[in-house]
C-alpha cells in the first residue's frame, strides 16, 4: 500500500495541472455557442463566423490531443514503475520463502 501513494501522487502531479485548462476552454466554447445570433447577417459575415469557430474548435482539438499524449506518457511511466514494483515484490517473496 505505501508504494501506491507515491505512484498516485506522481500521476496526479502530471495530470492535475491540465484539468483547469480543459475546463476553461470547454466553458469558453460553450459560452460562445450560447450567444444569440442576429438574423440580419450577410452570407460573408456568417461564413467568417463559422470559419472563426472552426479554427477555435481545431485549436481546442490540438490542445486536447497534446494533453492526451502527455497523459499517455504519464500512464506509460506509471505502468513501468508498477511492473518494476511487482517484480521487486516477487523477488522479495522468492527470497523470503526460498530460504
PDB file of N, CA and C in Angstrom:
ATOM      1  N   UNK A   1       0.812  -1.206   0.000  1.00  0.00           N
ATOM      2  CA  UNK A   1       0.000   0.000   0.000  1.00  0.00           C
ATOM      3  C   UNK A   1       0.851   1.264   0.000  1.00  0.00           C
ATOM      4  N   UNK A   2       1.997   1.292   0.732  1.00  0.00           N
ATOM      5  CA  UNK A   2       2.792   2.521   0.708  1.00  0.00           C
ATOM      6  C   UNK A   2       3.359   2.838  -0.672  1.00  0.00           C
ATOM      7  N   UNK A   3       3.495   1.845  -1.544  1.00  0.00           N
ATOM      8  CA  UNK A   3       4.040   2.079  -2.878  1.00  0.00           C
ATOM      9  C   UNK A   3       3.008   2.790  -3.763  1.00  0.00           C
ATOM     10  N   UNK A   4       1.733   2.549  -3.514  1.00  0.00           N
ATOM     11  CA  UNK A   4       0.675   3.125  -4.344  1.00  0.00           C
ATOM     12  C   UNK A   4       0.609   4.640  -4.182  1.00  0.00           C
ATOM     13  N   UNK A   5       0.810   5.132  -2.983  1.00  0.00           N
ATOM     14  CA  UNK A   5       0.693   6.571  -2.737  1.00  0.00           C
ATOM     15  C   UNK A   5       1.689   7.404  -3.538  1.00  0.00           C
ATOM     16  N   UNK A   6       2.975   7.047  -3.586  1.00  0.00           N
ATOM     17  CA  UNK A   6       3.884   7.846  -4.424  1.00  0.00           C
ATOM     18  C   UNK A   6       3.540   7.769  -5.909  1.00  0.00           C
ATOM     19  N   UNK A   7       3.069   6.620  -6.365  1.00  0.00           N
ATOM     20  CA  UNK A   7       2.699   6.483  -7.773  1.00  0.00           C
ATOM     21  C   UNK A   7       1.492   7.354  -8.073  1.00  0.00           C
ATOM     22  N   UNK A   8       0.485   7.308  -7.208  1.00  0.00           N
ATOM     23  CA  UNK A   8      -0.710   8.141  -7.395  1.00  0.00           C
ATOM     24  C   UNK A   8      -0.338   9.618  -7.347  1.00  0.00           C
ATOM     25  N   UNK A   9       0.561   9.971  -6.436  1.00  0.00           N
ATOM     26  CA  UNK A   9       0.999  11.364  -6.335  1.00  0.00           C
ATOM     27  C   UNK A   9       1.713  11.790  -7.623  1.00  0.00           C
ATOM     28  N   UNK A  10       2.528  10.905  -8.165  1.00  0.00           N
ATOM     29  CA  UNK A  10       3.252  11.178  -9.402  1.00  0.00           C
ATOM     30  C   UNK A  10       2.280  11.395 -10.562  1.00  0.00           C
ATOM     31  N   UNK A  11       1.281  10.511 -10.684  1.00  0.00           N
ATOM     32  CA  UNK A  11       0.303  10.625 -11.772  1.00  0.00           C
ATOM     33  C   UNK A  11      -0.503  11.913 -11.624  1.00  0.00           C
ATOM     34  N   UNK A  12      -0.977  12.204 -10.421  1.00  0.00           N
ATOM     35  CA  UNK A  12      -1.758  13.416 -10.203  1.00  0.00           C
ATOM     36  C   UNK A  12      -0.932  14.678 -10.440  1.00  0.00           C
ATOM     37  N   UNK A  13       0.358  14.606 -10.153  1.00  0.00           N
ATOM     38  CA  UNK A  13       1.236  15.758 -10.369  1.00  0.00           C
ATOM     39  C   UNK A  13       1.285  16.135 -11.844  1.00  0.00           C
ATOM     40  N   UNK A  14       1.209  15.158 -12.726  1.00  0.00           N
ATOM     41  CA  UNK A  14       1.282  15.431 -14.157  1.00  0.00           C
ATOM     42  C   UNK A  14      -0.078  15.689 -14.785  1.00  0.00           C
ATOM     43  N   UNK A  15      -1.137  15.089 -14.235  1.00  0.00           N
ATOM     44  CA  UNK A  15      -2.457  15.197 -14.844  1.00  0.00           C
ATOM     45  C   UNK A  15      -3.229  16.400 -14.321  1.00  0.00           C
ATOM     46  N   UNK A  16      -3.152  16.652 -13.021  1.00  0.00           N
ATOM     47  CA  UNK A  16      -3.975  17.687 -12.383  1.00  0.00           C
ATOM     48  C   UNK A  16      -3.781  19.089 -12.975  1.00  0.00           C
ATOM     49  N   UNK A  17      -2.584  19.530 -13.347  1.00  0.00           N
ATOM     50  CA  UNK A  17      -2.465  20.886 -13.893  1.00  0.00           C
ATOM     51  C   UNK A  17      -3.215  21.106 -15.202  1.00  0.00           C
ATOM     52  N   UNK A  18      -3.467  20.070 -15.962  1.00  0.00           N
ATOM     53  CA  UNK A  18      -4.138  20.252 -17.248  1.00  0.00           C
ATOM     54  C   UNK A  18      -5.657  20.284 -17.129  1.00  0.00           C
ATOM     55  N   UNK A  19      -6.219  19.843 -16.023  1.00  0.00           N
ATOM     56  CA  UNK A  19      -7.677  19.795 -15.870  1.00  0.00           C
ATOM     57  C   UNK A  19      -8.305  21.183 -15.908  1.00  0.00           C
ATOM     58  N   UNK A  20      -7.817  22.194 -15.168  1.00  0.00           N
ATOM     59  CA  UNK A  20      -8.448  23.516 -15.247  1.00  0.00           C
ATOM     60  C   UNK A  20      -8.380  24.128 -16.648  1.00  0.00           C
ATOM     61  N   UNK A  21      -7.314  23.854 -17.377  1.00  0.00           N
ATOM     62  CA  UNK A  21      -7.185  24.370 -18.746  1.00  0.00           C
ATOM     63  C   UNK A  21      -8.266  23.780 -19.648  1.00  0.00           C
ATOM     64  N   UNK A  22      -8.494  22.495 -19.523  1.00  0.00           N
ATOM     65  CA  UNK A  22      -9.527  21.833 -20.320  1.00  0.00           C
ATOM     66  C   UNK A  22     -10.898  22.401 -19.981  1.00  0.00           C
ATOM     67  N   UNK A  23     -11.181  22.529 -18.690  1.00  0.00           N
ATOM     68  CA  UNK A  23     -12.484  23.035 -18.255  1.00  0.00           C
ATOM     69  C   UNK A  23     -12.705  24.465 -18.736  1.00  0.00           C
ATOM     70  N   UNK A  24     -11.687  25.319 -18.640  1.00  0.00           N
ATOM     71  CA  UNK A  24     -11.859  26.706 -19.070  1.00  0.00           C
ATOM     72  C   UNK A  24     -12.088  26.806 -20.576  1.00  0.00           C
ATOM     73  N   UNK A  25     -11.374  26.013 -21.366  1.00  0.00           N
ATOM     74  CA  UNK A  25     -11.568  26.049 -22.812  1.00  0.00           C
ATOM     75  C   UNK A  25     -12.962  25.553 -23.197  1.00  0.00           C
ATOM     76  N   UNK A  26     -13.414  24.486 -22.557  1.00  0.00           N
ATOM     77  CA  UNK A  26     -14.747  23.984 -22.861  1.00  0.00           C
ATOM     78  C   UNK A  26     -15.821  24.975 -22.435  1.00  0.00           C
ATOM     79  N   UNK A  27     -15.633  25.652 -21.312  1.00  0.00           N
ATOM     80  CA  UNK A  27     -16.586  26.655 -20.855  1.00  0.00           C
ATOM     81  C   UNK A  27     -16.645  27.823 -21.829  1.00  0.00           C
ATOM     82  N   UNK A  28     -15.489  28.258 -22.322  1.00  0.00           N
ATOM     83  CA  UNK A  28     -15.433  29.357 -23.280  1.00  0.00           C
ATOM     84  C   UNK A  28     -16.177  29.001 -24.562  1.00  0.00           C
ATOM     85  N   UNK A  29     -15.942  27.804 -25.061  1.00  0.00           N
ATOM     86  CA  UNK A  29     -16.615  27.381 -26.292  1.00  0.00           C
ATOM     87  C   UNK A  29     -18.116  27.279 -26.065  1.00  0.00           C
ATOM     88  N   UNK A  30     -18.520  26.751 -24.928  1.00  0.00           N
ATOM     89  CA  UNK A  30     -19.946  26.628 -24.628  1.00  0.00           C
ATOM     90  C   UNK A  30     -20.607  28.005 -24.551  1.00  0.00           C
ATOM     91  N   UNK A  31     -19.923  28.974 -23.954  1.00  0.00           N
ATOM     92  CA  UNK A  31     -20.478  30.321 -23.865  1.00  0.00           C
ATOM     93  C   UNK A  31     -20.580  30.955 -25.248  1.00  0.00           C
ATOM     94  N   UNK A  32     -19.589  30.736 -26.085  1.00  0.00           N
ATOM     95  CA  UNK A  32     -19.611  31.307 -27.426  1.00  0.00           C
ATOM     96  C   UNK A  32     -20.727  30.703 -28.269  1.00  0.00           C
ATOM     97  N   UNK A  33     -20.989  29.439 -28.084  1.00  0.00           N
ATOM     98  CA  UNK A  33     -22.056  28.802 -28.843  1.00  0.00           C
ATOM     99  C   UNK A  33     -23.423  29.245 -28.339  1.00  0.00           C
ATOM    100  N   UNK A  34     -23.511  29.656 -27.074  1.00  0.00           N
ATOM    101  CA  UNK A  34     -24.774  30.062 -26.492  1.00  0.00           C
ATOM    102  C   UNK A  34     -25.149  31.501 -26.798  1.00  0.00           C
ATOM    103  N   UNK A  35     -24.276  32.276 -27.440  1.00  0.00           N
ATOM    104  CA  UNK A  35     -24.566  33.673 -27.746  1.00  0.00           C
ATOM    105  C   UNK A  35     -25.694  33.762 -28.777  1.00  0.00           C
ATOM    106  N   UNK A  36     -26.589  34.733 -28.602  1.00  0.00           N
ATOM    107  CA  UNK A  36     -27.680  34.867 -29.586  1.00  0.00           C
ATOM    108  C   UNK A  36     -27.134  35.325 -30.935  1.00  0.00           C
ATOM    109  N   UNK A  37     -27.722  34.806 -31.970  1.00  0.00           N
ATOM    110  CA  UNK A  37     -27.278  35.137 -33.323  1.00  0.00           C
ATOM    111  C   UNK A  37     -28.233  36.170 -33.924  1.00  0.00           C
ATOM    112  N   UNK A  38     -27.668  37.088 -34.651  1.00  0.00           N
ATOM    113  CA  UNK A  38     -28.508  38.093 -35.303  1.00  0.00           C
ATOM    114  C   UNK A  38     -28.971  37.545 -36.645  1.00  0.00           C
ATOM    115  N   UNK A  39     -30.219  37.814 -36.987  1.00  0.00           N
ATOM    116  CA  UNK A  39     -30.788  37.267 -38.215  1.00  0.00           C
ATOM    117  C   UNK A  39     -30.383  38.040 -39.450  1.00  0.00           C
ATOM    118  N   UNK A  40     -29.879  39.248 -39.326  1.00  0.00           N
ATOM    119  CA  UNK A  40     -29.591  40.075 -40.486  1.00  0.00           C
ATOM    120  C   UNK A  40     -28.172  39.959 -41.004  1.00  0.00           C
ATOM    121  N   UNK A  41     -27.453  38.904 -40.663  1.00  0.00           N
ATOM    122  CA  UNK A  41     -26.079  38.764 -41.131  1.00  0.00           C
ATOM    123  C   UNK A  41     -26.052  38.422 -42.613  1.00  0.00           C
ATOM    124  N   UNK A  42     -25.037  38.909 -43.240  1.00  0.00           N
ATOM    125  CA  UNK A  42     -24.825  38.531 -44.630  1.00  0.00           C
ATOM    126  C   UNK A  42     -24.143  37.172 -44.672  1.00  0.00           C
ATOM    127  N   UNK A  43     -24.148  36.600 -45.845  1.00  0.00           N
ATOM    128  CA  UNK A  43     -23.524  35.292 -46.002  1.00  0.00           C
ATOM    129  C   UNK A  43     -22.035  35.343 -45.657  1.00  0.00           C
ATOM    130  N   UNK A  44     -21.357  36.407 -46.059  1.00  0.00           N
ATOM    131  CA  UNK A  44     -19.919  36.544 -45.799  1.00  0.00           C
ATOM    132  C   UNK A  44     -19.653  36.636 -44.298  1.00  0.00           C
ATOM    133  N   UNK A  45     -20.483  37.402 -43.589  1.00  0.00           N
ATOM    134  CA  UNK A  45     -20.302  37.528 -42.132  1.00  0.00           C
ATOM    135  C   UNK A  45     -20.565  36.196 -41.445  1.00  0.00           C
ATOM    136  N   UNK A  46     -21.576  35.501 -41.894  1.00  0.00           N
ATOM    137  CA  UNK A  46     -21.887  34.189 -41.309  1.00  0.00           C
ATOM    138  C   UNK A  46     -20.757  33.200 -41.589  1.00  0.00           C
ATOM    139  N   UNK A  47     -20.224  33.236 -42.806  1.00  0.00           N
ATOM    140  CA  UNK A  47     -19.125  32.338 -43.146  1.00  0.00           C
ATOM    141  C   UNK A  47     -17.875  32.679 -42.338  1.00  0.00           C
ATOM    142  N   UNK A  48     -17.597  33.977 -42.140  1.00  0.00           N
ATOM    143  CA  UNK A  48     -16.437  34.384 -41.337  1.00  0.00           C
ATOM    144  C   UNK A  48     -16.601  33.888 -39.899  1.00  0.00           C
ATOM    145  N   UNK A  49     -17.813  33.995 -39.354  1.00  0.00           N
ATOM    146  CA  UNK A  49     -18.075  33.481 -38.013  1.00  0.00           C
ATOM    147  C   UNK A  49     -17.857  31.968 -37.951  1.00  0.00           C
ATOM    148  N   UNK A  50     -18.368  31.279 -38.951  1.00  0.00           N
ATOM    149  CA  UNK A  50     -18.208  29.822 -38.996  1.00  0.00           C
ATOM    150  C   UNK A  50     -16.736  29.437 -39.090  1.00  0.00           C
ATOM    151  N   UNK A  51     -15.980  30.149 -39.908  1.00  0.00           N
ATOM    152  CA  UNK A  51     -14.541  29.874 -40.035  1.00  0.00           C
ATOM    153  C   UNK A  51     -13.815  30.122 -38.720  1.00  0.00           C
ATOM    154  N   UNK A  52     -14.187  31.200 -38.030  1.00  0.00           N
ATOM    155  CA  UNK A  52     -13.559  31.516 -36.750  1.00  0.00           C
ATOM    156  C   UNK A  52     -13.859  30.422 -35.718  1.00  0.00           C
ATOM    157  N   UNK A  53     -15.114  29.985 -35.660  1.00  0.00           N
ATOM    158  CA  UNK A  53     -15.481  28.934 -34.718  1.00  0.00           C
ATOM    159  C   UNK A  53     -14.790  27.620 -35.075  1.00  0.00           C
ATOM    160  N   UNK A  54     -14.691  27.343 -36.362  1.00  0.00           N
ATOM    161  CA  UNK A  54     -13.995  26.140 -36.809  1.00  0.00           C
ATOM    162  C   UNK A  54     -12.527  26.181 -36.383  1.00  0.00           C
ATOM    163  N   UNK A  55     -11.886  27.330 -36.526  1.00  0.00           N
ATOM    164  CA  UNK A  55     -10.483  27.477 -36.122  1.00  0.00           C
ATOM    165  C   UNK A  55     -10.341  27.297 -34.613  1.00  0.00           C
ATOM    166  N   UNK A  56     -11.291  27.832 -33.847  1.00  0.00           N
ATOM    167  CA  UNK A  56     -11.245  27.658 -32.391  1.00  0.00           C
ATOM    168  C   UNK A  56     -11.409  26.197 -32.015  1.00  0.00           C
ATOM    169  N   UNK A  57     -12.317  25.505 -32.689  1.00  0.00           N
ATOM    170  CA  UNK A  57     -12.512  24.085 -32.394  1.00  0.00           C
ATOM    171  C   UNK A  57     -11.263  23.275 -32.744  1.00  0.00           C
ATOM    172  N   UNK A  58     -10.647  23.595 -33.870  1.00  0.00           N
ATOM    173  CA  UNK A  58      -9.409  22.903 -34.240  1.00  0.00           C
ATOM    174  C   UNK A  58      -8.307  23.143 -33.213  1.00  0.00           C
ATOM    175  N   UNK A  59      -8.215  24.380 -32.718  1.00  0.00           N
ATOM    176  CA  UNK A  59      -7.218  24.691 -31.700  1.00  0.00           C
ATOM    177  C   UNK A  59      -7.496  23.906 -30.425  1.00  0.00           C
ATOM    178  N   UNK A  60      -8.761  23.805 -30.041  1.00  0.00           N
ATOM    179  CA  UNK A  60      -9.119  23.026 -28.859  1.00  0.00           C
ATOM    180  C   UNK A  60      -8.784  21.550 -29.055  1.00  0.00           C
ATOM    181  N   UNK A  61      -9.069  21.023 -30.233  1.00  0.00           N
ATOM    182  CA  UNK A  61      -8.753  19.621 -30.520  1.00  0.00           C
ATOM    183  C   UNK A  61      -7.250  19.385 -30.442  1.00  0.00           C
ATOM    184  N   UNK A  62      -6.461  20.306 -30.982  1.00  0.00           N
ATOM    185  CA  UNK A  62      -4.998  20.167 -30.917  1.00  0.00           C
ATOM    186  C   UNK A  62      -4.515  20.202 -29.476  1.00  0.00           C
ATOM    187  N   UNK A  63      -5.076  21.114 -28.670  1.00  0.00           N
ATOM    188  CA  UNK A  63      -4.685  21.213 -27.263  1.00  0.00           C
ATOM    189  C   UNK A  63      -5.048  19.936 -26.518  1.00  0.00           C
ATOM    190  N   UNK A  64      -6.252  19.449 -26.734  1.00  0.00           N
ATOM    191  CA  UNK A  64      -6.677  18.218 -26.068  1.00  0.00           C
ATOM    192  C   UNK A  64      -5.835  17.025 -26.515  1.00  0.00           C
ATOM    193  N   UNK A  65      -5.463  16.998 -27.783  1.00  0.00           N
ATOM    194  CA  UNK A  65      -4.619  15.908 -28.284  1.00  0.00           C
ATOM    195  C   UNK A  65      -3.257  15.925 -27.600  1.00  0.00           C
ATOM    196  N   UNK A  66      -2.665  17.119 -27.465  1.00  0.00           N
ATOM    197  CA  UNK A  66      -1.375  17.219 -26.772  1.00  0.00           C
ATOM    198  C   UNK A  66      -1.503  16.773 -25.317  1.00  0.00           C
ATOM    199  N   UNK A  67      -2.582  17.158 -24.651  1.00  0.00           N
ATOM    200  CA  UNK A  67      -2.772  16.784 -23.256  1.00  0.00           C
ATOM    201  C   UNK A  67      -2.987  15.276 -23.120  1.00  0.00           C
ATOM    202  N   UNK A  68      -3.713  14.685 -24.060  1.00  0.00           N
ATOM    203  CA  UNK A  68      -3.912  13.233 -24.019  1.00  0.00           C
ATOM    204  C   UNK A  68      -2.591  12.515 -24.250  1.00  0.00           C
ATOM    205  N   UNK A  69      -1.771  13.021 -25.161  1.00  0.00           N
ATOM    206  CA  UNK A  69      -0.464  12.405 -25.400  1.00  0.00           C
ATOM    207  C   UNK A  69       0.411  12.478 -24.156  1.00  0.00           C
ATOM    208  N   UNK A  70       0.388  13.612 -23.454  1.00  0.00           N
ATOM    209  CA  UNK A  70       1.186  13.707 -22.229  1.00  0.00           C
ATOM    210  C   UNK A  70       0.617  12.793 -21.150  1.00  0.00           C
ATOM    211  N   UNK A  71      -0.703  12.640 -21.125  1.00  0.00           N
ATOM    212  CA  UNK A  71      -1.328  11.732 -20.170  1.00  0.00           C
ATOM    213  C   UNK A  71      -0.939  10.285 -20.470  1.00  0.00           C
ATOM    214  N   UNK A  72      -0.897   9.924 -21.751  1.00  0.00           N
ATOM    215  CA  UNK A  72      -0.475   8.576 -22.137  1.00  0.00           C
ATOM    216  C   UNK A  72       0.969   8.325 -21.724  1.00  0.00           C
ATOM    217  N   UNK A  73       1.826   9.314 -21.887  1.00  0.00           N
ATOM    218  CA  UNK A  73       3.217   9.178 -21.465  1.00  0.00           C
ATOM    219  C   UNK A  73       3.291   8.956 -19.961  1.00  0.00           C
ATOM    220  N   UNK A  74       2.509   9.713 -19.206  1.00  0.00           N
ATOM    221  CA  UNK A  74       2.483   9.558 -17.759  1.00  0.00           C
ATOM    222  C   UNK A  74       1.992   8.175 -17.376  1.00  0.00           C
ATOM    223  N   UNK A  75       0.966   7.700 -18.053  1.00  0.00           N
ATOM    224  CA  UNK A  75       0.449   6.359 -17.763  1.00  0.00           C
ATOM    225  C   UNK A  75       1.475   5.281 -18.115  1.00  0.00           C
ATOM    226  N   UNK A  76       2.224   5.491 -19.187  1.00  0.00           N
ATOM    227  CA  UNK A  76       3.274   4.517 -19.519  1.00  0.00           C
ATOM    228  C   UNK A  76       4.310   4.438 -18.411  1.00  0.00           C
ATOM    229  N   UNK A  77       4.734   5.614 -17.901  1.00  0.00           N
ATOM    230  CA  UNK A  77       5.707   5.623 -16.811  1.00  0.00           C
ATOM    231  C   UNK A  77       5.127   4.970 -15.560  1.00  0.00           C
ATOM    232  N   UNK A  78       3.857   5.225 -15.272  1.00  0.00           N
ATOM    233  CA  UNK A  78       3.224   4.597 -14.106  1.00  0.00           C
ATOM    234  C   UNK A  78       3.171   3.078 -14.287  1.00  0.00           C
ATOM    235  N   UNK A  79       2.901   2.617 -15.516  1.00  0.00           N
ATOM    236  CA  UNK A  79       2.882   1.187 -15.788  1.00  0.00           C
ATOM    237  C   UNK A  79       4.265   0.578 -15.605  1.00  0.00           C
ATOM    238  N   UNK A  80       5.283   1.251 -16.108  1.00  0.00           N
ATOM    239  CA  UNK A  80       6.650   0.749 -15.953  1.00  0.00           C
ATOM    240  C   UNK A  80       7.030   0.670 -14.483  1.00  0.00           C
ATOM    241  N   UNK A  81       6.705   1.709 -13.724  1.00  0.00           N
ATOM    242  CA  UNK A  81       7.006   1.717 -12.292  1.00  0.00           C
ATOM    243  C   UNK A  81       6.241   0.606 -11.582  1.00  0.00           C
ATOM    244  N   UNK A  82       4.981   0.398 -11.977  1.00  0.00           N
ATOM    245  CA  UNK A  82       4.179  -0.670 -11.377  1.00  0.00           C
ATOM    246  C   UNK A  82       4.751  -2.043 -11.673  1.00  0.00           C
ATOM    247  N   UNK A  83       5.200  -2.264 -12.902  1.00  0.00           N
ATOM    248  CA  UNK A  83       5.791  -3.566 -13.258  1.00  0.00           C
ATOM    249  C   UNK A  83       7.085  -3.792 -12.493  1.00  0.00           C
ATOM    250  N   UNK A  84       7.901  -2.751 -12.374  1.00  0.00           N
ATOM    251  CA  UNK A  84       9.148  -2.874 -11.607  1.00  0.00           C
ATOM    252  C   UNK A  84       8.845  -3.183 -10.146  1.00  0.00           C
ATOM    253  N   UNK A  85       7.825  -2.503  -9.579  1.00  0.00           N
ATOM    254  CA  UNK A  85       7.448  -2.761  -8.187  1.00  0.00           C
ATOM    255  C   UNK A  85       6.952  -4.195  -8.022  1.00  0.00           C
ATOM    256  N   UNK A  86       6.179  -4.692  -8.985  1.00  0.00           N
ATOM    257  CA  UNK A  86       5.697  -6.068  -8.932  1.00  0.00           C
ATOM    258  C   UNK A  86       6.850  -7.052  -8.987  1.00  0.00           C
ATOM    259  N   UNK A  87       7.794  -6.817  -9.888  1.00  0.00           N
ATOM    260  CA  UNK A  87       8.955  -7.710  -9.992  1.00  0.00           C
ATOM    261  C   UNK A  87       9.780  -7.701  -8.708  1.00  0.00           C
ATOM    262  N   UNK A  88       9.980  -6.517  -8.133  1.00  0.00           N
ATOM    263  CA  UNK A  88      10.739  -6.441  -6.885  1.00  0.00           C
ATOM    264  C   UNK A  88      10.018  -7.165  -5.752  1.00  0.00           C
ATOM    265  N   UNK A  89       8.700  -7.040  -5.716  1.00  0.00           N
ATOM    266  CA  UNK A  89       7.966  -7.731  -4.654  1.00  0.00           C
ATOM    267  C   UNK A  89       8.017  -9.242  -4.863  1.00  0.00           C
ATOM    268  N   UNK A  90       7.950  -9.704  -6.109  1.00  0.00           N
ATOM    269  CA  UNK A  90       8.074 -11.135  -6.376  1.00  0.00           C
ATOM    270  C   UNK A  90       9.460 -11.657  -6.015  1.00  0.00           C
ATOM    271  N   UNK A  91      10.477 -10.870  -6.300  1.00  0.00           N
ATOM    272  CA  UNK A  91      11.842 -11.249  -5.920  1.00  0.00           C
ATOM    273  C   UNK A  91      11.937 -11.310  -4.402  1.00  0.00           C
ATOM    274  N   UNK A  92      11.360 -10.358  -3.718  1.00  0.00           N
ATOM    275  CA  UNK A  92      11.367 -10.368  -2.250  1.00  0.00           C
ATOM    276  C   UNK A  92      10.651 -11.566  -1.689  1.00  0.00           C
ATOM    277  N   UNK A  93       9.513 -11.924  -2.269  1.00  0.00           N
ATOM    278  CA  UNK A  93       8.798 -13.138  -1.813  1.00  0.00           C
ATOM    279  C   UNK A  93       9.613 -14.388  -2.077  1.00  0.00           C
ATOM    280  N   UNK A  94      10.265 -14.440  -3.237  1.00  0.00           N
ATOM    281  CA  UNK A  94      11.086 -15.628  -3.563  1.00  0.00           C
ATOM    282  C   UNK A  94      12.253 -15.747  -2.589  1.00  0.00           C
ATOM    283  N   UNK A  95      12.848 -14.642  -2.217  1.00  0.00           N
ATOM    284  CA  UNK A  95      13.963 -14.670  -1.270  1.00  0.00           C
ATOM    285  C   UNK A  95      13.455 -15.064   0.114  1.00  0.00           C
ATOM    286  N   UNK A  96      12.295 -14.511   0.501  1.00  0.00           N
ATOM    287  CA  UNK A  96      11.758 -14.763   1.837  1.00  0.00           C
ATOM    288  C   UNK A  96      11.309 -16.219   1.983  1.00  0.00           C
ATOM    289  N   UNK A  97      10.629 -16.777   1.000  1.00  0.00           N
ATOM    290  CA  UNK A  97      10.131 -18.137   1.114  1.00  0.00           C
ATOM    291  C   UNK A  97      11.092 -19.165   0.530  1.00  0.00           C
ATOM    292  N   UNK A  98      12.102 -18.714  -0.169  1.00  0.00           N
ATOM    293  CA  UNK A  98      13.061 -19.652  -0.754  1.00  0.00           C
ATOM    294  C   UNK A  98      14.101 -20.149   0.243  1.00  0.00           C
ATOM    295  N   UNK A  99      14.284 -19.414   1.302  1.00  0.00           N
ATOM    296  CA  UNK A  99      15.302 -19.850   2.267  1.00  0.00           C
ATOM    297  C   UNK A  99      14.696 -20.525   3.445  1.00  0.00           C
TER     298      UNK A  99
END
